[in-house]
């Protein structure tokens, strides 16, 4: 598998951990994707539409043979299988998957923007991403992500919920 990508995953409806497990199992079952690392899981306050339950958030590092648009379709398929309904922007969801980075490329299509356009505003994305790779950089950006995180207001609202287990974190979702 030739491509490296980072995906954010979030849930704030029902049994949030169950939704995480179901989505990750579905992704792992795809022969074109290999999950190589998973961050710890963090509980966070909602952003945008705030009249909803707290989220669980994490970041997955994957290797994939999918091209960016194919990976986006896989993420959307995973959301649909998990009962995701898009009725309120930034509203409650069983599962949310976003492509944060893809081979450190800048990608701009009608349906996909990579790096994710709002990731630099969201501590709930940067904290687990930096946990997986503290030295990660964005394409064409000179400022380290850790410096950007220091200036985000809501980082105190990101609380460790379940500690990553093991080097790769893949045991994180075991009982």
N, C-alpha and C. Protein backbone atom coordinates (compact mmCIF):
# COMPACT_ATOMS: atom_id res chain seq x y z
N UNK A 1 0.85 -1.17 0.00
CA UNK A 1 0.00 0.00 0.00
C UNK A 1 0.90 1.23 0.00
N UNK A 2 0.67 2.08 -0.94
CA UNK A 2 1.62 3.14 -1.20
C UNK A 2 1.29 4.49 -0.58
N UNK A 3 0.08 4.70 -0.10
CA UNK A 3 -0.34 5.99 0.39
C UNK A 3 -0.50 5.99 1.91
N UNK A 4 -0.07 7.08 2.54
CA UNK A 4 -0.25 7.26 3.98
C UNK A 4 -1.28 8.36 4.18
N UNK A 5 -2.24 8.10 5.04
CA UNK A 5 -3.28 9.09 5.31
C UNK A 5 -3.59 9.09 6.81
N UNK A 6 -4.05 10.22 7.28
CA UNK A 6 -4.53 10.34 8.66
C UNK A 6 -6.00 10.69 8.59
N UNK A 7 -6.82 9.95 9.35
CA UNK A 7 -8.26 10.17 9.41
C UNK A 7 -8.66 10.55 10.81
N UNK A 8 -9.53 11.55 10.94
CA UNK A 8 -10.11 11.81 12.25
C UNK A 8 -11.40 11.00 12.34
N UNK A 9 -11.71 10.56 13.56
CA UNK A 9 -12.93 9.81 13.80
C UNK A 9 -13.59 10.40 15.04
N UNK A 10 -14.91 10.57 14.97
CA UNK A 10 -15.64 11.13 16.09
C UNK A 10 -17.03 10.55 16.19
N UNK A 11 -17.59 10.57 17.41
CA UNK A 11 -18.95 10.08 17.65
C UNK A 11 -19.51 10.77 18.88
N UNK A 12 -20.81 11.11 18.83
CA UNK A 12 -21.44 11.65 20.04
C UNK A 12 -22.89 11.19 20.21
N UNK A 13 -23.24 10.09 19.57
CA UNK A 13 -24.60 9.58 19.72
C UNK A 13 -24.56 8.14 20.23
N UNK A 14 -25.47 7.84 21.14
CA UNK A 14 -25.61 6.46 21.61
C UNK A 14 -24.35 5.95 22.26
N UNK A 15 -24.03 4.70 21.99
CA UNK A 15 -22.83 4.06 22.51
C UNK A 15 -21.65 4.46 21.63
N UNK A 16 -21.01 5.56 21.99
CA UNK A 16 -19.97 6.15 21.16
C UNK A 16 -18.83 5.18 20.89
N UNK A 17 -18.39 4.45 21.90
CA UNK A 17 -17.29 3.51 21.72
C UNK A 17 -17.69 2.38 20.77
N UNK A 18 -18.94 1.92 20.86
CA UNK A 18 -19.43 0.89 19.93
C UNK A 18 -19.36 1.39 18.49
N UNK A 19 -19.76 2.64 18.27
CA UNK A 19 -19.70 3.22 16.92
C UNK A 19 -18.25 3.28 16.43
N UNK A 20 -17.33 3.65 17.32
CA UNK A 20 -15.90 3.65 16.97
C UNK A 20 -15.48 2.25 16.52
N UNK A 21 -15.78 1.25 17.35
CA UNK A 21 -15.37 -0.13 17.05
C UNK A 21 -15.94 -0.60 15.72
N UNK A 22 -17.22 -0.34 15.51
CA UNK A 22 -17.88 -0.78 14.29
C UNK A 22 -17.24 -0.13 13.06
N UNK A 23 -16.97 1.17 13.13
CA UNK A 23 -16.36 1.87 12.01
C UNK A 23 -14.94 1.37 11.75
N UNK A 24 -14.17 1.20 12.81
CA UNK A 24 -12.79 0.75 12.65
C UNK A 24 -12.75 -0.69 12.13
N UNK A 25 -13.64 -1.54 12.62
CA UNK A 25 -13.72 -2.91 12.09
C UNK A 25 -14.04 -2.90 10.60
N UNK A 26 -14.94 -2.03 10.20
CA UNK A 26 -15.32 -1.94 8.79
C UNK A 26 -14.13 -1.49 7.93
N UNK A 27 -13.43 -0.48 8.41
CA UNK A 27 -12.26 0.02 7.69
C UNK A 27 -11.18 -1.06 7.62
N UNK A 28 -10.93 -1.73 8.76
CA UNK A 28 -9.89 -2.77 8.80
C UNK A 28 -10.24 -3.95 7.90
N UNK A 29 -11.52 -4.16 7.64
CA UNK A 29 -11.95 -5.26 6.80
C UNK A 29 -11.74 -5.01 5.31
N UNK A 30 -11.33 -3.82 4.95
CA UNK A 30 -11.10 -3.47 3.56
C UNK A 30 -9.67 -3.84 3.18
N UNK A 31 -9.51 -4.64 2.16
CA UNK A 31 -8.17 -5.10 1.76
C UNK A 31 -7.29 -3.97 1.22
N UNK A 32 -7.88 -2.82 0.92
CA UNK A 32 -7.13 -1.67 0.41
C UNK A 32 -6.69 -0.71 1.50
N UNK A 33 -6.95 -1.05 2.75
CA UNK A 33 -6.59 -0.18 3.87
C UNK A 33 -5.96 -1.02 4.97
N UNK A 34 -4.89 -0.48 5.55
CA UNK A 34 -4.31 -1.08 6.75
C UNK A 34 -4.15 0.02 7.77
N UNK A 35 -4.79 -0.16 8.93
CA UNK A 35 -4.63 0.81 10.02
C UNK A 35 -3.30 0.51 10.69
N UNK A 36 -2.40 1.48 10.69
CA UNK A 36 -1.07 1.25 11.27
C UNK A 36 -0.94 1.83 12.67
N UNK A 37 -1.84 2.75 13.04
CA UNK A 37 -1.77 3.34 14.39
C UNK A 37 -3.09 4.03 14.71
N UNK A 38 -3.41 4.05 15.98
CA UNK A 38 -4.61 4.73 16.47
C UNK A 38 -4.20 5.53 17.70
N UNK A 39 -4.64 6.78 17.78
CA UNK A 39 -4.34 7.60 18.95
C UNK A 39 -5.19 7.16 20.13
N UNK A 40 -4.91 7.74 21.28
CA UNK A 40 -5.82 7.60 22.42
C UNK A 40 -7.16 8.21 22.02
N UNK A 41 -8.18 7.93 22.80
CA UNK A 41 -9.50 8.51 22.55
C UNK A 41 -9.69 9.67 23.52
N UNK A 42 -10.18 10.78 22.99
CA UNK A 42 -10.40 11.99 23.78
C UNK A 42 -11.88 12.35 23.79
N UNK A 43 -12.35 12.85 24.92
CA UNK A 43 -13.71 13.36 24.99
C UNK A 43 -13.66 14.86 24.86
N UNK A 44 -14.53 15.41 24.02
CA UNK A 44 -14.48 16.83 23.71
C UNK A 44 -15.86 17.46 23.68
N UNK A 45 -15.86 18.75 23.92
CA UNK A 45 -17.09 19.54 23.80
C UNK A 45 -17.43 19.69 22.32
N UNK A 46 -18.72 19.78 21.99
CA UNK A 46 -19.10 19.99 20.58
C UNK A 46 -18.66 21.36 20.08
N UNK A 47 -18.40 21.45 18.79
CA UNK A 47 -18.00 22.69 18.14
C UNK A 47 -19.07 23.06 17.12
N UNK A 48 -19.32 24.33 16.96
CA UNK A 48 -20.33 24.78 16.00
C UNK A 48 -21.70 24.74 16.66
N UNK A 49 -22.42 23.67 16.43
CA UNK A 49 -23.73 23.45 17.05
C UNK A 49 -23.47 22.84 18.43
N UNK A 50 -23.65 23.63 19.49
CA UNK A 50 -23.22 23.20 20.82
C UNK A 50 -24.31 22.52 21.65
N UNK A 51 -25.56 22.49 21.18
CA UNK A 51 -26.65 21.87 21.93
C UNK A 51 -26.71 20.37 21.63
N UNK A 52 -25.65 19.67 22.02
CA UNK A 52 -25.57 18.23 21.76
C UNK A 52 -24.58 17.62 22.74
N UNK A 53 -24.53 16.29 22.75
CA UNK A 53 -23.67 15.55 23.68
C UNK A 53 -22.19 15.72 23.32
N UNK A 54 -21.33 15.39 24.28
CA UNK A 54 -19.89 15.44 24.07
C UNK A 54 -19.47 14.36 23.07
N UNK A 55 -18.37 14.64 22.40
CA UNK A 55 -17.83 13.73 21.39
C UNK A 55 -16.71 12.88 21.96
N UNK A 56 -16.53 11.71 21.39
CA UNK A 56 -15.28 10.97 21.48
C UNK A 56 -14.56 11.23 20.16
N UNK A 57 -13.27 11.52 20.24
CA UNK A 57 -12.46 11.79 19.04
C UNK A 57 -11.13 11.06 19.11
N UNK A 58 -10.64 10.69 17.95
CA UNK A 58 -9.32 10.05 17.83
C UNK A 58 -8.83 10.28 16.40
N UNK A 59 -7.60 9.86 16.15
CA UNK A 59 -7.03 9.91 14.81
C UNK A 59 -6.46 8.55 14.46
N UNK A 60 -6.70 8.12 13.23
CA UNK A 60 -6.17 6.87 12.71
C UNK A 60 -5.09 7.19 11.68
N UNK A 61 -3.99 6.47 11.73
CA UNK A 61 -2.99 6.53 10.67
C UNK A 61 -3.19 5.29 9.84
N UNK A 62 -3.37 5.48 8.54
CA UNK A 62 -3.62 4.33 7.67
C UNK A 62 -2.65 4.31 6.50
N UNK A 63 -2.49 3.12 5.95
CA UNK A 63 -1.82 2.92 4.67
C UNK A 63 -2.92 2.42 3.74
N UNK A 64 -2.94 2.96 2.52
CA UNK A 64 -4.02 2.60 1.61
C UNK A 64 -3.56 2.61 0.16
N UNK A 65 -4.20 1.77 -0.64
CA UNK A 65 -3.97 1.81 -2.08
C UNK A 65 -5.03 2.68 -2.76
N UNK A 66 -5.99 3.20 -1.98
CA UNK A 66 -7.00 4.08 -2.54
C UNK A 66 -6.41 5.43 -2.91
N UNK A 67 -6.92 5.99 -3.98
CA UNK A 67 -6.67 7.38 -4.33
C UNK A 67 -7.54 8.25 -3.40
N UNK A 68 -7.26 9.55 -3.27
CA UNK A 68 -7.99 10.38 -2.31
C UNK A 68 -9.51 10.33 -2.44
N UNK A 69 -10.04 10.44 -3.63
CA UNK A 69 -11.50 10.43 -3.82
C UNK A 69 -12.10 9.07 -3.45
N UNK A 70 -11.37 8.00 -3.73
CA UNK A 70 -11.83 6.66 -3.36
C UNK A 70 -11.85 6.51 -1.84
N UNK A 71 -10.84 7.06 -1.17
CA UNK A 71 -10.80 7.01 0.29
C UNK A 71 -11.96 7.81 0.89
N UNK A 72 -12.26 8.96 0.30
CA UNK A 72 -13.41 9.75 0.76
C UNK A 72 -14.69 8.94 0.65
N UNK A 73 -14.88 8.25 -0.47
CA UNK A 73 -16.08 7.42 -0.64
C UNK A 73 -16.13 6.32 0.40
N UNK A 74 -14.98 5.71 0.73
CA UNK A 74 -14.94 4.67 1.77
C UNK A 74 -15.33 5.26 3.12
N UNK A 75 -14.85 6.45 3.43
CA UNK A 75 -15.21 7.11 4.70
C UNK A 75 -16.71 7.38 4.75
N UNK A 76 -17.27 7.87 3.65
CA UNK A 76 -18.71 8.16 3.60
C UNK A 76 -19.53 6.88 3.69
N UNK A 77 -19.07 5.82 3.07
CA UNK A 77 -19.74 4.52 3.14
C UNK A 77 -19.73 4.01 4.59
N UNK A 78 -18.59 4.17 5.26
CA UNK A 78 -18.46 3.75 6.66
C UNK A 78 -19.43 4.53 7.55
N UNK A 79 -19.55 5.82 7.31
CA UNK A 79 -20.50 6.64 8.06
C UNK A 79 -21.93 6.16 7.84
N UNK A 80 -22.27 5.91 6.59
CA UNK A 80 -23.63 5.47 6.25
C UNK A 80 -23.97 4.14 6.90
N UNK A 81 -23.04 3.20 6.86
CA UNK A 81 -23.26 1.89 7.47
C UNK A 81 -23.47 2.02 8.98
N UNK A 82 -22.86 3.05 9.58
CA UNK A 82 -22.99 3.30 11.01
C UNK A 82 -24.18 4.21 11.34
N UNK A 83 -25.06 4.45 10.39
CA UNK A 83 -26.28 5.19 10.65
C UNK A 83 -26.14 6.71 10.66
N UNK A 84 -25.09 7.24 10.07
CA UNK A 84 -24.91 8.69 10.03
C UNK A 84 -25.99 9.33 9.19
N UNK A 85 -26.64 10.34 9.78
CA UNK A 85 -27.64 11.13 9.08
C UNK A 85 -27.15 12.58 9.11
N UNK A 86 -27.10 13.21 7.96
CA UNK A 86 -26.62 14.59 7.86
C UNK A 86 -27.83 15.52 7.77
N UNK A 87 -28.31 15.99 8.94
CA UNK A 87 -29.44 16.91 8.92
C UNK A 87 -29.13 18.26 9.55
N UNK A 88 -28.17 18.33 10.47
CA UNK A 88 -27.76 19.58 11.10
C UNK A 88 -26.25 19.72 10.89
N UNK A 89 -25.83 20.85 10.31
CA UNK A 89 -24.39 21.04 10.13
C UNK A 89 -23.70 21.03 11.48
N UNK A 90 -22.65 20.23 11.61
CA UNK A 90 -21.90 20.04 12.84
C UNK A 90 -22.78 19.47 13.96
N UNK A 91 -23.89 18.83 13.57
CA UNK A 91 -24.82 18.28 14.54
C UNK A 91 -24.40 16.90 15.02
N UNK A 92 -25.26 16.28 15.84
CA UNK A 92 -24.97 14.96 16.40
C UNK A 92 -24.75 13.94 15.29
N UNK A 93 -23.87 12.98 15.59
CA UNK A 93 -23.60 11.94 14.59
C UNK A 93 -23.15 10.66 15.27
N UNK A 94 -23.55 9.55 14.66
CA UNK A 94 -23.10 8.25 15.17
C UNK A 94 -21.61 8.10 14.92
N UNK A 95 -21.18 8.53 13.73
CA UNK A 95 -19.76 8.45 13.40
C UNK A 95 -19.44 9.53 12.37
N UNK A 96 -18.25 10.08 12.48
CA UNK A 96 -17.78 11.09 11.54
C UNK A 96 -16.34 10.74 11.20
N UNK A 97 -16.05 10.63 9.92
CA UNK A 97 -14.69 10.35 9.45
C UNK A 97 -14.27 11.46 8.49
N UNK A 98 -13.11 12.03 8.73
CA UNK A 98 -12.58 13.07 7.85
C UNK A 98 -11.15 12.73 7.47
N UNK A 99 -10.81 12.98 6.23
CA UNK A 99 -9.42 12.83 5.79
C UNK A 99 -8.68 14.10 6.19
N UNK A 100 -7.71 13.95 7.08
CA UNK A 100 -6.92 15.10 7.52
C UNK A 100 -5.76 15.35 6.58
N UNK A 101 -5.00 14.29 6.31
CA UNK A 101 -3.81 14.38 5.47
C UNK A 101 -3.77 13.17 4.54
N UNK A 102 -3.17 13.36 3.38
CA UNK A 102 -3.00 12.27 2.42
C UNK A 102 -1.65 12.49 1.76
N UNK A 103 -0.67 11.67 2.12
CA UNK A 103 0.69 11.77 1.57
C UNK A 103 1.26 13.19 1.65
N UNK A 104 0.81 13.97 2.60
CA UNK A 104 1.29 15.35 2.73
C UNK A 104 1.11 16.14 1.44
N UNK A 105 0.03 15.83 0.72
CA UNK A 105 -0.30 16.53 -0.52
C UNK A 105 -1.36 17.59 -0.26
N UNK A 106 -1.36 18.60 -1.08
CA UNK A 106 -2.47 19.55 -1.14
C UNK A 106 -3.42 19.05 -2.21
N UNK A 107 -4.67 18.82 -1.82
CA UNK A 107 -5.68 18.30 -2.75
C UNK A 107 -6.89 19.22 -2.65
N UNK A 108 -7.34 19.68 -3.79
CA UNK A 108 -8.52 20.55 -3.82
C UNK A 108 -9.40 20.12 -4.98
N UNK A 109 -10.51 19.44 -4.65
CA UNK A 109 -11.48 19.06 -5.67
C UNK A 109 -12.83 19.59 -5.22
N UNK A 110 -13.84 19.34 -6.02
CA UNK A 110 -15.19 19.78 -5.68
C UNK A 110 -15.68 19.15 -4.37
N UNK A 111 -15.25 17.92 -4.10
CA UNK A 111 -15.76 17.20 -2.93
C UNK A 111 -14.74 16.99 -1.81
N UNK A 112 -13.47 17.38 -2.03
CA UNK A 112 -12.44 17.05 -1.05
C UNK A 112 -11.38 18.15 -0.96
N UNK A 113 -11.06 18.54 0.28
CA UNK A 113 -9.96 19.46 0.55
C UNK A 113 -9.02 18.82 1.56
N UNK A 114 -7.76 18.65 1.16
CA UNK A 114 -6.75 18.07 2.03
C UNK A 114 -5.50 18.93 1.91
N UNK A 115 -4.89 19.32 3.04
CA UNK A 115 -5.27 19.03 4.42
C UNK A 115 -6.69 19.53 4.73
N UNK A 116 -7.30 18.88 5.70
CA UNK A 116 -8.66 19.24 6.09
C UNK A 116 -8.69 20.73 6.40
N UNK A 117 -9.65 21.47 5.82
CA UNK A 117 -9.63 22.93 5.92
C UNK A 117 -9.78 23.52 7.32
N UNK A 118 -10.36 22.78 8.26
CA UNK A 118 -10.55 23.33 9.61
C UNK A 118 -9.70 22.65 10.68
N UNK A 119 -8.79 21.79 10.26
CA UNK A 119 -8.02 21.03 11.26
C UNK A 119 -7.15 21.94 12.13
N UNK A 120 -6.68 23.05 11.59
CA UNK A 120 -5.80 23.93 12.36
C UNK A 120 -6.55 24.75 13.40
N UNK A 121 -7.87 24.68 13.39
CA UNK A 121 -8.71 25.38 14.36
C UNK A 121 -9.20 24.45 15.47
N UNK A 122 -8.89 23.17 15.38
CA UNK A 122 -9.53 22.18 16.23
C UNK A 122 -8.53 21.39 17.06
N UNK A 123 -8.52 21.68 18.34
CA UNK A 123 -7.63 20.96 19.25
C UNK A 123 -7.99 19.47 19.29
N UNK A 124 -9.26 19.13 19.12
CA UNK A 124 -9.66 17.72 19.18
C UNK A 124 -9.12 16.93 17.99
N UNK A 125 -8.61 17.62 16.98
CA UNK A 125 -7.94 16.96 15.86
C UNK A 125 -6.42 16.99 16.08
N UNK A 126 -5.89 18.15 16.45
CA UNK A 126 -4.44 18.29 16.56
C UNK A 126 -3.84 17.48 17.70
N UNK A 127 -4.52 17.40 18.84
CA UNK A 127 -3.97 16.67 19.98
C UNK A 127 -3.76 15.19 19.64
N UNK A 128 -4.77 14.47 19.13
CA UNK A 128 -4.51 13.06 18.79
C UNK A 128 -3.58 12.90 17.59
N UNK A 129 -3.60 13.83 16.64
CA UNK A 129 -2.69 13.75 15.51
C UNK A 129 -1.24 13.89 15.98
N UNK A 130 -0.98 14.86 16.84
CA UNK A 130 0.37 15.06 17.36
C UNK A 130 0.80 13.93 18.29
N UNK A 131 -0.16 13.26 18.92
CA UNK A 131 0.18 12.07 19.71
C UNK A 131 0.78 10.99 18.81
N UNK A 132 0.21 10.83 17.62
CA UNK A 132 0.71 9.81 16.68
C UNK A 132 2.03 10.22 16.06
N UNK A 133 2.18 11.50 15.77
CA UNK A 133 3.41 11.98 15.13
C UNK A 133 3.70 13.41 15.60
N UNK A 134 4.47 13.56 16.69
CA UNK A 134 4.73 14.89 17.26
C UNK A 134 5.47 15.83 16.31
N UNK A 135 6.11 15.30 15.27
CA UNK A 135 6.88 16.13 14.34
C UNK A 135 6.17 16.34 13.01
N UNK A 136 4.91 15.98 12.94
CA UNK A 136 4.19 16.06 11.67
C UNK A 136 4.09 17.51 11.21
N UNK A 137 4.16 17.67 9.90
CA UNK A 137 4.03 18.99 9.29
C UNK A 137 2.97 18.93 8.20
N UNK A 138 2.52 20.10 7.81
CA UNK A 138 1.57 20.19 6.71
C UNK A 138 2.30 20.63 5.45
N UNK A 139 1.78 20.26 4.30
CA UNK A 139 2.44 20.70 3.06
C UNK A 139 2.49 22.23 2.99
N UNK A 140 3.62 22.73 2.56
CA UNK A 140 3.82 24.16 2.33
C UNK A 140 3.56 25.02 3.57
N UNK A 141 3.87 24.48 4.73
CA UNK A 141 3.65 25.22 5.97
C UNK A 141 4.92 25.16 6.81
N UNK A 142 5.38 26.31 7.25
CA UNK A 142 6.64 26.38 8.01
C UNK A 142 6.44 26.26 9.52
N UNK A 143 5.25 26.54 10.01
CA UNK A 143 4.99 26.53 11.45
C UNK A 143 4.68 25.11 11.91
N UNK A 144 5.40 24.59 12.91
CA UNK A 144 5.07 23.25 13.43
C UNK A 144 3.65 23.21 14.01
N UNK A 145 2.97 22.10 13.84
CA UNK A 145 1.60 21.97 14.34
C UNK A 145 1.53 22.15 15.85
N UNK A 146 2.57 21.75 16.57
CA UNK A 146 2.56 21.92 18.02
C UNK A 146 2.48 23.40 18.39
N UNK A 147 3.07 24.29 17.59
CA UNK A 147 2.98 25.73 17.84
C UNK A 147 1.58 26.25 17.57
N UNK A 148 0.93 25.71 16.57
CA UNK A 148 -0.45 26.10 16.27
C UNK A 148 -1.36 25.66 17.40
N UNK A 149 -1.16 24.44 17.90
CA UNK A 149 -1.98 23.93 19.00
C UNK A 149 -1.90 24.84 20.22
N UNK A 150 -0.74 25.37 20.51
CA UNK A 150 -0.57 26.25 21.67
C UNK A 150 -1.47 27.48 21.61
N UNK A 151 -1.88 27.89 20.42
CA UNK A 151 -2.70 29.10 20.26
C UNK A 151 -4.19 28.82 20.09
N UNK A 152 -4.59 27.55 20.16
CA UNK A 152 -6.01 27.21 20.04
C UNK A 152 -6.68 27.35 21.40
N UNK A 153 -7.78 28.09 21.44
CA UNK A 153 -8.47 28.40 22.68
C UNK A 153 -9.08 27.18 23.37
N UNK A 154 -9.65 26.24 22.62
CA UNK A 154 -10.44 25.17 23.23
C UNK A 154 -9.65 23.92 23.60
N UNK A 155 -8.33 23.99 23.64
CA UNK A 155 -7.55 22.77 23.90
C UNK A 155 -7.79 22.21 25.30
N UNK A 156 -8.19 23.05 26.26
CA UNK A 156 -8.49 22.54 27.60
C UNK A 156 -9.75 21.69 27.61
N UNK A 157 -10.60 21.86 26.58
CA UNK A 157 -11.84 21.08 26.47
C UNK A 157 -11.62 19.69 25.89
N UNK A 158 -10.38 19.34 25.61
CA UNK A 158 -10.05 18.01 25.07
C UNK A 158 -9.45 17.19 26.20
N UNK A 159 -10.21 16.21 26.68
CA UNK A 159 -9.80 15.41 27.84
C UNK A 159 -9.56 13.96 27.43
N UNK A 160 -8.46 13.39 27.93
CA UNK A 160 -8.17 11.99 27.66
C UNK A 160 -9.31 11.13 28.20
N UNK A 161 -9.86 10.26 27.37
CA UNK A 161 -10.98 9.41 27.76
C UNK A 161 -10.54 7.95 27.88
N UNK A 162 -9.72 7.50 26.93
CA UNK A 162 -9.19 6.13 26.98
C UNK A 162 -7.79 6.16 26.41
N UNK A 163 -6.83 5.79 27.24
CA UNK A 163 -5.42 5.83 26.88
C UNK A 163 -5.09 4.79 25.82
N UNK A 164 -4.29 5.21 24.88
CA UNK A 164 -3.79 4.31 23.83
C UNK A 164 -3.08 3.14 24.50
N UNK A 165 -3.31 1.94 24.01
CA UNK A 165 -2.65 0.77 24.58
C UNK A 165 -1.69 0.18 23.58
N UNK A 166 -0.47 0.01 23.99
CA UNK A 166 0.53 -0.58 23.11
C UNK A 166 1.11 0.44 22.14
N UNK A 167 2.13 0.02 21.45
CA UNK A 167 2.85 0.92 20.54
C UNK A 167 1.96 1.40 19.39
N UNK A 168 1.15 0.50 18.82
CA UNK A 168 0.36 0.89 17.67
C UNK A 168 -1.04 1.36 18.04
N UNK A 169 -1.47 1.15 19.27
CA UNK A 169 -2.79 1.60 19.69
C UNK A 169 -3.92 0.71 19.22
N UNK A 170 -3.64 -0.35 18.47
CA UNK A 170 -4.71 -1.17 17.92
C UNK A 170 -5.46 -1.94 18.99
N UNK A 171 -4.89 -2.10 20.17
CA UNK A 171 -5.58 -2.74 21.28
C UNK A 171 -6.53 -1.79 22.00
N UNK A 172 -6.53 -0.56 21.59
CA UNK A 172 -7.33 0.49 22.24
C UNK A 172 -8.81 0.14 22.30
N UNK A 173 -9.29 -0.51 21.29
CA UNK A 173 -10.73 -0.77 21.21
C UNK A 173 -11.14 -2.14 21.70
N UNK A 174 -10.20 -2.88 22.26
CA UNK A 174 -10.54 -4.18 22.83
C UNK A 174 -11.19 -3.98 24.18
N UNK A 175 -11.97 -4.93 24.59
CA UNK A 175 -12.69 -4.83 25.87
C UNK A 175 -11.77 -4.80 27.06
